[in-house]
Amino acid sequence: MRVTEKGQVTIPKEIRDRLKIGPGSEVDFVVSDDGVRLVRLDDSKQDYKSFEEWAESVKGTWDLGGMTTDEYIDWLRGPRDDLDRR
């Protein structure tokens, strides 16, 4: 891969497709001792355009076993041994 006078390189199509990099995408270069990595930065043009759209797409996929949300969170966190001495 050759660098132009302006310091530009062409990202191969296979990599652009895999990382979903298109015109206007934001990328960054991460430097380490053994080289440089190109990473795609997250932006507002994600697969899901909004939290509401994502929430609707996963609606009904969690089975709480009949528990309310508060009961589930309490179960998930478990007893607080330092406060709940039963």
PDB file of N, CA and C in Angstrom:
ATOM      1  N   MET A   1       0.853  -1.164   0.000  1.00  0.00           N
ATOM      2  CA  MET A   1       0.000   0.000   0.000  1.00  0.00           C
ATOM      3  C   MET A   1       0.905   1.235   0.000  1.00  0.00           C
ATOM      4  N   ARG A   2       0.602   2.168  -0.846  1.00  0.00           N
ATOM      5  CA  ARG A   2       1.440   3.357  -1.001  1.00  0.00           C
ATOM      6  C   ARG A   2       0.740   4.574  -0.395  1.00  0.00           C
ATOM      7  N   VAL A   3       1.510   5.414   0.266  1.00  0.00           N
ATOM      8  CA  VAL A   3       0.997   6.651   0.855  1.00  0.00           C
ATOM      9  C   VAL A   3       1.177   7.776  -0.160  1.00  0.00           C
ATOM     10  N   THR A   4       0.124   8.589  -0.363  1.00  0.00           N
ATOM     11  CA  THR A   4       0.204   9.706  -1.311  1.00  0.00           C
ATOM     12  C   THR A   4       0.958  10.875  -0.693  1.00  0.00           C
ATOM     13  N   GLU A   5       1.212  11.907  -1.511  1.00  0.00           N
ATOM     14  CA  GLU A   5       1.889  13.109  -1.017  1.00  0.00           C
ATOM     15  C   GLU A   5       1.124  13.760   0.126  1.00  0.00           C
ATOM     16  N   LYS A   6      -0.192  13.600   0.112  1.00  0.00           N
ATOM     17  CA  LYS A   6      -1.030  14.197   1.160  1.00  0.00           C
ATOM     18  C   LYS A   6      -1.166  13.278   2.378  1.00  0.00           C
ATOM     19  N   GLY A   7      -0.455  12.163   2.384  1.00  0.00           N
ATOM     20  CA  GLY A   7      -0.507  11.243   3.518  1.00  0.00           C
ATOM     21  C   GLY A   7      -1.720  10.329   3.500  1.00  0.00           C
ATOM     22  N   GLN A   8      -2.336  10.154   2.344  1.00  0.00           N
ATOM     23  CA  GLN A   8      -3.541   9.343   2.239  1.00  0.00           C
ATOM     24  C   GLN A   8      -3.218   7.933   1.770  1.00  0.00           C
ATOM     25  N   VAL A   9      -4.041   6.995   2.220  1.00  0.00           N
ATOM     26  CA  VAL A   9      -3.978   5.616   1.730  1.00  0.00           C
ATOM     27  C   VAL A   9      -5.399   5.188   1.399  1.00  0.00           C
ATOM     28  N   THR A  10      -5.523   4.218   0.521  1.00  0.00           N
ATOM     29  CA  THR A  10      -6.832   3.670   0.194  1.00  0.00           C
ATOM     30  C   THR A  10      -7.065   2.440   1.055  1.00  0.00           C
ATOM     31  N   ILE A  11      -8.161   2.439   1.799  1.00  0.00           N
ATOM     32  CA  ILE A  11      -8.521   1.270   2.610  1.00  0.00           C
ATOM     33  C   ILE A  11      -9.125   0.247   1.654  1.00  0.00           C
ATOM     34  N   PRO A  12      -8.588  -0.968   1.606  1.00  0.00           N
ATOM     35  CA  PRO A  12      -9.127  -1.980   0.696  1.00  0.00           C
ATOM     36  C   PRO A  12     -10.621  -2.215   0.932  1.00  0.00           C
ATOM     37  N   LYS A  13     -11.353  -2.462  -0.168  1.00  0.00           N
ATOM     38  CA  LYS A  13     -12.804  -2.632  -0.107  1.00  0.00           C
ATOM     39  C   LYS A  13     -13.212  -3.714   0.882  1.00  0.00           C
ATOM     40  N   GLU A  14     -12.492  -4.829   0.908  1.00  0.00           N
ATOM     41  CA  GLU A  14     -12.822  -5.931   1.828  1.00  0.00           C
ATOM     42  C   GLU A  14     -12.822  -5.439   3.279  1.00  0.00           C
ATOM     43  N   ILE A  15     -11.859  -4.628   3.636  1.00  0.00           N
ATOM     44  CA  ILE A  15     -11.776  -4.094   5.003  1.00  0.00           C
ATOM     45  C   ILE A  15     -12.876  -3.068   5.238  1.00  0.00           C
ATOM     46  N   ARG A  16     -13.119  -2.180   4.251  1.00  0.00           N
ATOM     47  CA  ARG A  16     -14.197  -1.189   4.388  1.00  0.00           C
ATOM     48  C   ARG A  16     -15.534  -1.878   4.593  1.00  0.00           C
ATOM     49  N   ASP A  17     -15.791  -2.930   3.815  1.00  0.00           N
ATOM     50  CA  ASP A  17     -17.054  -3.662   3.944  1.00  0.00           C
ATOM     51  C   ASP A  17     -17.159  -4.344   5.304  1.00  0.00           C
ATOM     52  N   ARG A  18     -16.090  -4.968   5.725  1.00  0.00           N
ATOM     53  CA  ARG A  18     -16.105  -5.698   7.003  1.00  0.00           C
ATOM     54  C   ARG A  18     -16.327  -4.767   8.193  1.00  0.00           C
ATOM     55  N   LEU A  19     -15.703  -3.578   8.152  1.00  0.00           N
ATOM     56  CA  LEU A  19     -15.836  -2.620   9.255  1.00  0.00           C
ATOM     57  C   LEU A  19     -16.974  -1.631   9.044  1.00  0.00           C
ATOM     58  N   LYS A  20     -17.703  -1.800   7.941  1.00  0.00           N
ATOM     59  CA  LYS A  20     -18.815  -0.899   7.600  1.00  0.00           C
ATOM     60  C   LYS A  20     -18.340   0.551   7.546  1.00  0.00           C
ATOM     61  N   ILE A  21     -17.246   0.754   6.835  1.00  0.00           N
ATOM     62  CA  ILE A  21     -16.689   2.091   6.643  1.00  0.00           C
ATOM     63  C   ILE A  21     -17.130   2.586   5.274  1.00  0.00           C
ATOM     64  N   GLY A  22     -17.777   3.732   5.266  1.00  0.00           N
ATOM     65  CA  GLY A  22     -18.223   4.325   4.016  1.00  0.00           C
ATOM     66  C   GLY A  22     -17.878   5.796   3.997  1.00  0.00           C
ATOM     67  N   PRO A  23     -18.277   6.485   2.936  1.00  0.00           N
ATOM     68  CA  PRO A  23     -18.017   7.922   2.867  1.00  0.00           C
ATOM     69  C   PRO A  23     -18.581   8.639   4.090  1.00  0.00           C
ATOM     70  N   GLY A  24     -17.779   9.451   4.722  1.00  0.00           N
ATOM     71  CA  GLY A  24     -18.208  10.184   5.911  1.00  0.00           C
ATOM     72  C   GLY A  24     -17.985   9.442   7.218  1.00  0.00           C
ATOM     73  N   SER A  25     -17.589   8.159   7.153  1.00  0.00           N
ATOM     74  CA  SER A  25     -17.323   7.401   8.383  1.00  0.00           C
ATOM     75  C   SER A  25     -16.128   8.004   9.112  1.00  0.00           C
ATOM     76  N   GLU A  26     -16.172   7.926  10.430  1.00  0.00           N
ATOM     77  CA  GLU A  26     -15.062   8.408  11.252  1.00  0.00           C
ATOM     78  C   GLU A  26     -14.181   7.223  11.620  1.00  0.00           C
ATOM     79  N   VAL A  27     -12.877   7.373  11.422  1.00  0.00           N
ATOM     80  CA  VAL A  27     -11.919   6.336  11.795  1.00  0.00           C
ATOM     81  C   VAL A  27     -10.812   6.968  12.625  1.00  0.00           C
ATOM     82  N   ASP A  28     -10.064   6.127  13.307  1.00  0.00           N
ATOM     83  CA  ASP A  28      -8.941   6.610  14.098  1.00  0.00           C
ATOM     84  C   ASP A  28      -7.787   5.631  13.926  1.00  0.00           C
ATOM     85  N   PHE A  29      -6.590   6.114  14.168  1.00  0.00           N
ATOM     86  CA  PHE A  29      -5.400   5.278  14.134  1.00  0.00           C
ATOM     87  C   PHE A  29      -4.905   5.097  15.558  1.00  0.00           C
ATOM     88  N   VAL A  30      -4.733   3.837  15.963  1.00  0.00           N
ATOM     89  CA  VAL A  30      -4.253   3.516  17.301  1.00  0.00           C
ATOM     90  C   VAL A  30      -2.818   3.018  17.160  1.00  0.00           C
ATOM     91  N   VAL A  31      -1.896   3.751  17.750  1.00  0.00           N
ATOM     92  CA  VAL A  31      -0.467   3.438  17.628  1.00  0.00           C
ATOM     93  C   VAL A  31      -0.031   2.557  18.795  1.00  0.00           C
ATOM     94  N   SER A  32       0.717   1.501  18.491  1.00  0.00           N
ATOM     95  CA  SER A  32       1.297   0.646  19.529  1.00  0.00           C
ATOM     96  C   SER A  32       2.761   0.415  19.176  1.00  0.00           C
ATOM     97  N   ASP A  33       3.470  -0.309  20.025  1.00  0.00           N
ATOM     98  CA  ASP A  33       4.893  -0.562  19.785  1.00  0.00           C
ATOM     99  C   ASP A  33       5.150  -1.330  18.489  1.00  0.00           C
ATOM    100  N   ASP A  34       4.187  -2.183  18.102  1.00  0.00           N
ATOM    101  CA  ASP A  34       4.421  -3.019  16.923  1.00  0.00           C
ATOM    102  C   ASP A  34       3.693  -2.548  15.671  1.00  0.00           C
ATOM    103  N   GLY A  35       3.097  -1.361  15.691  1.00  0.00           N
ATOM    104  CA  GLY A  35       2.446  -0.867  14.481  1.00  0.00           C
ATOM    105  C   GLY A  35       1.281   0.058  14.774  1.00  0.00           C
ATOM    106  N   VAL A  36       0.378   0.101  13.810  1.00  0.00           N
ATOM    107  CA  VAL A  36      -0.782   0.989  13.883  1.00  0.00           C
ATOM    108  C   VAL A  36      -2.021   0.182  13.528  1.00  0.00           C
ATOM    109  N   ARG A  37      -3.118   0.449  14.240  1.00  0.00           N
ATOM    110  CA  ARG A  37      -4.406  -0.174  13.920  1.00  0.00           C
ATOM    111  C   ARG A  37      -5.372   0.908  13.474  1.00  0.00           C
ATOM    112  N   LEU A  38      -6.180   0.596  12.484  1.00  0.00           N
ATOM    113  CA  LEU A  38      -7.254   1.469  12.047  1.00  0.00           C
ATOM    114  C   LEU A  38      -8.531   0.983  12.712  1.00  0.00           C
ATOM    115  N   VAL A  39      -9.231   1.865  13.402  1.00  0.00           N
ATOM    116  CA  VAL A  39     -10.481   1.482  14.051  1.00  0.00           C
ATOM    117  C   VAL A  39     -11.584   2.427  13.601  1.00  0.00           C
ATOM    118  N   ARG A  40     -12.761   1.872  13.414  1.00  0.00           N
ATOM    119  CA  ARG A  40     -13.929   2.669  13.069  1.00  0.00           C
ATOM    120  C   ARG A  40     -14.493   3.240  14.354  1.00  0.00           C
ATOM    121  N   LEU A  41     -14.752   4.530  14.360  1.00  0.00           N
ATOM    122  CA  LEU A  41     -15.341   5.160  15.528  1.00  0.00           C
ATOM    123  C   LEU A  41     -16.851   5.030  15.453  1.00  0.00           C
ATOM    124  N   ASP A  42     -17.475   4.810  16.607  1.00  0.00           N
ATOM    125  CA  ASP A  42     -18.931   4.750  16.648  1.00  0.00           C
ATOM    126  C   ASP A  42     -19.487   6.134  16.365  1.00  0.00           C
ATOM    127  N   ASP A  43     -20.578   6.156  15.624  1.00  0.00           N
ATOM    128  CA  ASP A  43     -21.228   7.427  15.357  1.00  0.00           C
ATOM    129  C   ASP A  43     -22.730   7.240  15.360  1.00  0.00           C
ATOM    130  N   SER A  44     -23.461   8.260  15.053  1.00  0.00           N
ATOM    131  CA  SER A  44     -24.918   8.191  15.115  1.00  0.00           C
ATOM    132  C   SER A  44     -25.498   7.354  13.989  1.00  0.00           C
ATOM    133  N   LYS A  45     -24.685   6.954  13.021  1.00  0.00           N
ATOM    134  CA  LYS A  45     -25.175   6.155  11.903  1.00  0.00           C
ATOM    135  C   LYS A  45     -24.936   4.675  12.161  1.00  0.00           C
ATOM    136  N   GLN A  46     -25.334   4.196  13.319  1.00  0.00           N
ATOM    137  CA  GLN A  46     -25.183   2.799  13.696  1.00  0.00           C
ATOM    138  C   GLN A  46     -26.262   1.976  13.010  1.00  0.00           C
ATOM    139  N   ASP A  47     -26.195   0.649  13.192  1.00  0.00           N
ATOM    140  CA  ASP A  47     -27.247  -0.212  12.671  1.00  0.00           C
ATOM    141  C   ASP A  47     -28.594   0.181  13.257  1.00  0.00           C
ATOM    142  N   TYR A  48     -28.588   0.595  14.505  1.00  0.00           N
ATOM    143  CA  TYR A  48     -29.794   1.084  15.148  1.00  0.00           C
ATOM    144  C   TYR A  48     -29.671   2.591  15.261  1.00  0.00           C
ATOM    145  N   LYS A  49     -30.601   3.327  14.685  1.00  0.00           N
ATOM    146  CA  LYS A  49     -30.509   4.776  14.661  1.00  0.00           C
ATOM    147  C   LYS A  49     -30.853   5.405  16.002  1.00  0.00           C
ATOM    148  N   SER A  50     -31.539   4.677  16.870  1.00  0.00           N
ATOM    149  CA  SER A  50     -31.910   5.255  18.156  1.00  0.00           C
ATOM    150  C   SER A  50     -32.070   4.141  19.186  1.00  0.00           C
ATOM    151  N   PHE A  51     -32.027   4.536  20.447  1.00  0.00           N
ATOM    152  CA  PHE A  51     -32.242   3.565  21.513  1.00  0.00           C
ATOM    153  C   PHE A  51     -33.635   2.963  21.406  1.00  0.00           C
ATOM    154  N   GLU A  52     -34.616   3.792  21.096  1.00  0.00           N
ATOM    155  CA  GLU A  52     -35.993   3.313  20.990  1.00  0.00           C
ATOM    156  C   GLU A  52     -36.127   2.237  19.911  1.00  0.00           C
ATOM    157  N   GLU A  53     -35.446   2.437  18.791  1.00  0.00           N
ATOM    158  CA  GLU A  53     -35.485   1.456  17.713  1.00  0.00           C
ATOM    159  C   GLU A  53     -34.843   0.143  18.161  1.00  0.00           C
ATOM    160  N   TRP A  54     -33.717   0.237  18.875  1.00  0.00           N
ATOM    161  CA  TRP A  54     -33.071  -0.968  19.395  1.00  0.00           C
ATOM    162  C   TRP A  54     -33.976  -1.671  20.406  1.00  0.00           C
ATOM    163  N   ALA A  55     -34.549  -0.897  21.339  1.00  0.00           N
ATOM    164  CA  ALA A  55     -35.404  -1.482  22.376  1.00  0.00           C
ATOM    165  C   ALA A  55     -36.592  -2.207  21.750  1.00  0.00           C
ATOM    166  N   GLU A  56     -37.173  -1.620  20.734  1.00  0.00           N
ATOM    167  CA  GLU A  56     -38.302  -2.260  20.057  1.00  0.00           C
ATOM    168  C   GLU A  56     -37.864  -3.560  19.385  1.00  0.00           C
ATOM    169  N   SER A  57     -36.653  -3.596  18.852  1.00  0.00           N
ATOM    170  CA  SER A  57     -36.178  -4.786  18.147  1.00  0.00           C
ATOM    171  C   SER A  57     -35.904  -5.957  19.087  1.00  0.00           C
ATOM    172  N   VAL A  58     -35.626  -5.695  20.359  1.00  0.00           N
ATOM    173  CA  VAL A  58     -35.343  -6.774  21.308  1.00  0.00           C
ATOM    174  C   VAL A  58     -36.496  -7.001  22.284  1.00  0.00           C
ATOM    175  N   LYS A  59     -37.584  -6.317  22.067  1.00  0.00           N
ATOM    176  CA  LYS A  59     -38.752  -6.434  22.946  1.00  0.00           C
ATOM    177  C   LYS A  59     -39.201  -7.894  23.033  1.00  0.00           C
ATOM    178  N   GLY A  60     -39.407  -8.365  24.266  1.00  0.00           N
ATOM    179  CA  GLY A  60     -39.889  -9.714  24.486  1.00  0.00           C
ATOM    180  C   GLY A  60     -38.824 -10.795  24.437  1.00  0.00           C
ATOM    181  N   THR A  61     -37.559 -10.435  24.345  1.00  0.00           N
ATOM    182  CA  THR A  61     -36.512 -11.454  24.257  1.00  0.00           C
ATOM    183  C   THR A  61     -35.955 -11.859  25.613  1.00  0.00           C
ATOM    184  N   TRP A  62     -36.276 -11.129  26.665  1.00  0.00           N
ATOM    185  CA  TRP A  62     -35.810 -11.474  28.004  1.00  0.00           C
ATOM    186  C   TRP A  62     -36.944 -12.104  28.790  1.00  0.00           C
ATOM    187  N   ASP A  63     -36.685 -13.262  29.373  1.00  0.00           N
ATOM    188  CA  ASP A  63     -37.674 -13.944  30.200  1.00  0.00           C
ATOM    189  C   ASP A  63     -37.273 -13.757  31.652  1.00  0.00           C
ATOM    190  N   LEU A  64     -38.054 -12.985  32.380  1.00  0.00           N
ATOM    191  CA  LEU A  64     -37.744 -12.704  33.777  1.00  0.00           C
ATOM    192  C   LEU A  64     -38.374 -13.721  34.720  1.00  0.00           C
ATOM    193  N   GLY A  65     -38.932 -14.780  34.173  1.00  0.00           N
ATOM    194  CA  GLY A  65     -39.508 -15.822  35.009  1.00  0.00           C
ATOM    195  C   GLY A  65     -40.658 -15.327  35.874  1.00  0.00           C
ATOM    196  N   GLY A  66     -41.427 -14.379  35.374  1.00  0.00           N
ATOM    197  CA  GLY A  66     -42.561 -13.848  36.117  1.00  0.00           C
ATOM    198  C   GLY A  66     -42.200 -12.772  37.125  1.00  0.00           C
ATOM    199  N   MET A  67     -40.914 -12.451  37.262  1.00  0.00           N
ATOM    200  CA  MET A  67     -40.493 -11.421  38.220  1.00  0.00           C
ATOM    201  C   MET A  67     -40.731 -10.030  37.639  1.00  0.00           C
ATOM    202  N   THR A  68     -40.965  -9.085  38.538  1.00  0.00           N
ATOM    203  CA  THR A  68     -40.992  -7.693  38.115  1.00  0.00           C
ATOM    204  C   THR A  68     -39.555  -7.262  37.850  1.00  0.00           C
ATOM    205  N   THR A  69     -39.394  -6.124  37.235  1.00  0.00           N
ATOM    206  CA  THR A  69     -38.046  -5.617  36.969  1.00  0.00           C
ATOM    207  C   THR A  69     -37.272  -5.422  38.266  1.00  0.00           C
ATOM    208  N   ASP A  70     -37.922  -4.847  39.286  1.00  0.00           N
ATOM    209  CA  ASP A  70     -37.250  -4.638  40.575  1.00  0.00           C
ATOM    210  C   ASP A  70     -36.850  -5.965  41.218  1.00  0.00           C
ATOM    211  N   GLU A  71     -37.736  -6.967  41.161  1.00  0.00           N
ATOM    212  CA  GLU A  71     -37.410  -8.282  41.716  1.00  0.00           C
ATOM    213  C   GLU A  71     -36.234  -8.913  40.964  1.00  0.00           C
ATOM    214  N   TYR A  72     -36.224  -8.753  39.657  1.00  0.00           N
ATOM    215  CA  TYR A  72     -35.136  -9.300  38.844  1.00  0.00           C
ATOM    216  C   TYR A  72     -33.807  -8.640  39.192  1.00  0.00           C
ATOM    217  N   ILE A  73     -33.802  -7.330  39.339  1.00  0.00           N
ATOM    218  CA  ILE A  73     -32.571  -6.619  39.696  1.00  0.00           C
ATOM    219  C   ILE A  73     -32.083  -7.062  41.069  1.00  0.00           C
ATOM    220  N   ASP A  74     -32.995  -7.202  42.037  1.00  0.00           N
ATOM    221  CA  ASP A  74     -32.612  -7.688  43.367  1.00  0.00           C
ATOM    222  C   ASP A  74     -32.021  -9.095  43.275  1.00  0.00           C
ATOM    223  N   TRP A  75     -32.650  -9.970  42.469  1.00  0.00           N
ATOM    224  CA  TRP A  75     -32.149 -11.326  42.301  1.00  0.00           C
ATOM    225  C   TRP A  75     -30.771 -11.304  41.642  1.00  0.00           C
ATOM    226  N   LEU A  76     -30.617 -10.470  40.625  1.00  0.00           N
ATOM    227  CA  LEU A  76     -29.363 -10.381  39.894  1.00  0.00           C
ATOM    228  C   LEU A  76     -28.221  -9.906  40.782  1.00  0.00           C
ATOM    229  N   ARG A  77     -28.489  -8.918  41.603  1.00  0.00           N
ATOM    230  CA  ARG A  77     -27.463  -8.372  42.491  1.00  0.00           C
ATOM    231  C   ARG A  77     -27.150  -9.307  43.646  1.00  0.00           C
ATOM    232  N   GLY A  78     -28.109 -10.091  44.064  1.00  0.00           N
ATOM    233  CA  GLY A  78     -27.900 -11.000  45.179  1.00  0.00           C
ATOM    234  C   GLY A  78     -27.974 -10.272  46.506  1.00  0.00           C
ATOM    235  N   PRO A  79     -27.935 -11.041  47.607  1.00  0.00           N
ATOM    236  CA  PRO A  79     -28.024 -10.406  48.926  1.00  0.00           C
ATOM    237  C   PRO A  79     -26.779  -9.588  49.233  1.00  0.00           C
ATOM    238  N   ARG A  80     -26.987  -8.522  49.933  1.00  0.00           N
ATOM    239  CA  ARG A  80     -25.865  -7.687  50.390  1.00  0.00           C
ATOM    240  C   ARG A  80     -25.480  -8.182  51.776  1.00  0.00           C
ATOM    241  N   ASP A  81     -24.492  -9.032  51.836  1.00  0.00           N
ATOM    242  CA  ASP A  81     -24.090  -9.627  53.106  1.00  0.00           C
ATOM    243  C   ASP A  81     -23.712  -8.581  54.141  1.00  0.00           C
ATOM    244  N   ASP A  82     -23.209  -7.449  53.687  1.00  0.00           N
ATOM    245  CA  ASP A  82     -22.813  -6.422  54.644  1.00  0.00           C
ATOM    246  C   ASP A  82     -24.013  -5.674  55.216  1.00  0.00           C
ATOM    247  N   LEU A  83     -25.177  -5.769  54.553  1.00  0.00           N
ATOM    248  CA  LEU A  83     -26.372  -5.076  55.036  1.00  0.00           C
ATOM    249  C   LEU A  83     -27.494  -6.032  55.409  1.00  0.00           C
ATOM    250  N   ASP A  84     -27.551  -7.180  54.768  1.00  0.00           N
ATOM    251  CA  ASP A  84     -28.674  -8.099  54.899  1.00  0.00           C
ATOM    252  C   ASP A  84     -28.217  -9.358  55.632  1.00  0.00           C
ATOM    253  N   ARG A  85     -28.191  -9.310  56.938  1.00  0.00           N
ATOM    254  CA  ARG A  85     -27.695 -10.441  57.738  1.00  0.00           C
ATOM    255  C   ARG A  85     -28.851 -11.356  58.123  1.00  0.00           C
ATOM    256  N   ARG A  86     -29.178 -12.293  57.256  1.00  0.00           N
ATOM    257  CA  ARG A  86     -30.278 -13.230  57.520  1.00  0.00           C
ATOM    258  C   ARG A  86     -29.758 -14.573  57.915  1.00  0.00           C
TER     259      ARG A  86
END
